[in-house]
Amino acid sequence: MENYKDTTATETGRREGIGGRVEDMAERMREQTMEASSRLSGLANRTKEGVKDGVNAATDYVRSKDVSEMGQDLMSLMRRYPAQSMAVALLLGVWAGRSMRNRNNSSYYNS
């Protein structure tokens, strides 16, 4: 009977030890989740502010320039970055071609 009590006490101690470790792990996970949430919230706020600033800058630019000035700025940018300009032109051409092809195919199937 004494052996049974010792075994029961040992098992109870083990369970309490395991329970404590599980609680510690859960607490660490809660803390890490809160830290990650805080970091993501900060990142979202910085991104939102960056987008807002970019939209404001673009709005100010469009309001302050006429079409010919914007064209000159675009030409200057294309001369400064020729490879990137060609890549953008290629992508726009592919996009326009696919859009036209999809429009023609959808009207063919809908008739």
Protein backbone atom coordinates (compact mmCIF):
# COMPACT_ATOMS: atom_id res chain seq x y z
CA MET A 1 0.00 0.00 0.00
CA GLU A 2 2.90 2.30 0.83
CA ASN A 3 4.35 1.63 -2.63
CA TYR A 4 1.03 2.67 -4.19
CA LYS A 5 1.08 6.00 -2.30
CA ASP A 6 4.65 6.67 -3.41
CA THR A 7 3.76 5.92 -7.01
CA THR A 8 0.67 8.14 -6.81
CA ALA A 9 2.65 10.98 -5.29
CA THR A 10 5.34 10.61 -7.94
CA GLU A 11 2.77 10.65 -10.75
CA THR A 12 1.03 13.66 -9.23
CA GLY A 13 4.36 15.48 -9.05
CA ARG A 14 5.13 14.64 -12.65
CA ARG A 15 1.73 15.87 -13.81
CA GLU A 16 2.14 19.12 -11.88
CA GLY A 17 5.61 19.56 -13.38
CA ILE A 18 4.32 18.94 -16.87
CA GLY A 19 1.33 21.23 -16.24
CA GLY A 20 3.67 23.99 -15.09
CA ARG A 21 5.81 23.62 -18.19
CA VAL A 22 2.74 23.71 -20.42
CA GLU A 23 1.55 26.85 -18.66
CA ASP A 24 4.99 28.43 -19.11
CA MET A 25 4.96 27.58 -22.81
CA ALA A 26 1.44 29.00 -23.17
CA GLU A 27 2.52 32.22 -21.44
CA ARG A 28 5.56 32.57 -23.70
CA MET A 29 3.35 31.99 -26.74
CA ARG A 30 0.92 34.67 -25.54
CA GLU A 31 3.78 37.13 -25.05
CA GLN A 32 5.27 36.38 -28.46
CA THR A 33 1.85 36.73 -30.09
CA MET A 34 1.35 40.11 -28.43
CA GLU A 35 4.82 41.27 -29.56
CA ALA A 36 4.17 40.11 -33.14
CA SER A 37 0.78 41.82 -33.12
CA SER A 38 2.36 45.04 -31.92
CA ARG A 39 5.04 44.88 -34.62
CA LEU A 40 2.47 44.20 -37.34
CA SER A 41 0.31 47.05 -36.12
CA GLY A 42 3.30 49.40 -36.30
CA LEU A 43 4.15 48.17 -39.79
CA ALA A 44 0.56 48.67 -40.94
CA ASN A 45 0.55 52.22 -39.58
CA ARG A 46 3.86 53.07 -41.26
CA THR A 47 2.62 51.58 -44.55
CA LYS A 48 -0.63 53.53 -44.31
CA GLU A 49 1.27 56.76 -43.67
CA GLY A 50 3.63 56.03 -46.57
CA VAL A 51 0.75 55.41 -48.97
CA LYS A 52 -1.02 58.53 -47.76
CA ASP A 53 2.13 60.62 -48.27
CA GLY A 54 2.63 59.15 -51.75
CA VAL A 55 -0.94 59.89 -52.80
CA ASN A 56 -0.64 63.44 -51.47
CA ALA A 57 2.63 63.95 -53.37
CA ALA A 58 1.09 62.59 -56.57
CA THR A 59 -1.95 64.82 -56.16
CA ASP A 60 0.24 67.88 -55.62
CA TYR A 61 2.33 66.98 -58.68
CA VAL A 62 -0.71 66.58 -60.95
CA ARG A 63 -2.22 69.82 -59.71
CA SER A 64 0.99 71.80 -60.18
CA LYS A 65 1.89 70.56 -63.71
CA ASP A 66 0.12 70.68 -67.02
CA VAL A 67 0.14 67.81 -69.52
CA SER A 68 3.13 69.06 -71.52
CA GLU A 69 5.25 69.40 -68.36
CA MET A 70 4.28 65.90 -67.25
CA GLY A 71 5.27 64.59 -70.70
CA GLN A 72 8.66 66.31 -70.43
CA ASP A 73 9.16 64.83 -66.95
CA LEU A 74 8.27 61.38 -68.31
CA MET A 75 10.73 61.73 -71.19
CA SER A 76 13.45 62.82 -68.77
CA LEU A 77 12.74 59.82 -66.56
CA MET A 78 12.83 57.47 -69.56
CA ARG A 79 16.21 58.89 -70.64
CA ARG A 80 17.58 58.53 -67.14
CA TYR A 81 16.41 54.89 -66.79
CA PRO A 82 16.25 53.38 -70.32
CA ALA A 83 16.32 49.68 -69.36
CA GLN A 84 13.59 50.05 -66.77
CA SER A 85 11.55 52.13 -69.21
CA MET A 86 11.78 49.40 -71.84
CA ALA A 87 10.75 46.77 -69.29
CA VAL A 88 7.71 48.83 -68.26
CA ALA A 89 6.79 49.40 -71.93
CA LEU A 90 7.07 45.66 -72.60
CA LEU A 91 4.88 44.78 -69.64
CA LEU A 92 2.29 47.37 -70.61
CA GLY A 93 2.27 45.99 -74.17
CA VAL A 94 1.75 42.43 -72.95
CA TRP A 95 -0.98 43.57 -70.59
CA ALA A 96 -2.76 45.54 -73.34
CA GLY A 97 -2.49 42.62 -75.77
CA ARG A 98 -3.95 40.17 -73.28
CA SER A 99 -6.74 42.58 -72.41
CA MET A 100 -7.68 42.95 -76.06
CA ARG A 101 -7.47 39.21 -76.67
CA ASN A 102 -9.62 38.47 -73.62
CA ARG A 103 -12.16 41.07 -74.67
CA ASN A 104 -12.37 39.58 -78.18
CA ASN A 105 -12.63 36.02 -76.87
CA SER A 106 -15.36 36.87 -74.35
CA SER A 107 -17.45 38.62 -77.00
CA TYR A 108 -17.02 35.58 -79.28
CA TYR A 109 -18.30 33.21 -76.60
CA ASN A 110 -21.13 35.49 -75.50
CA SER A 111 -22.63 35.85 -79.00
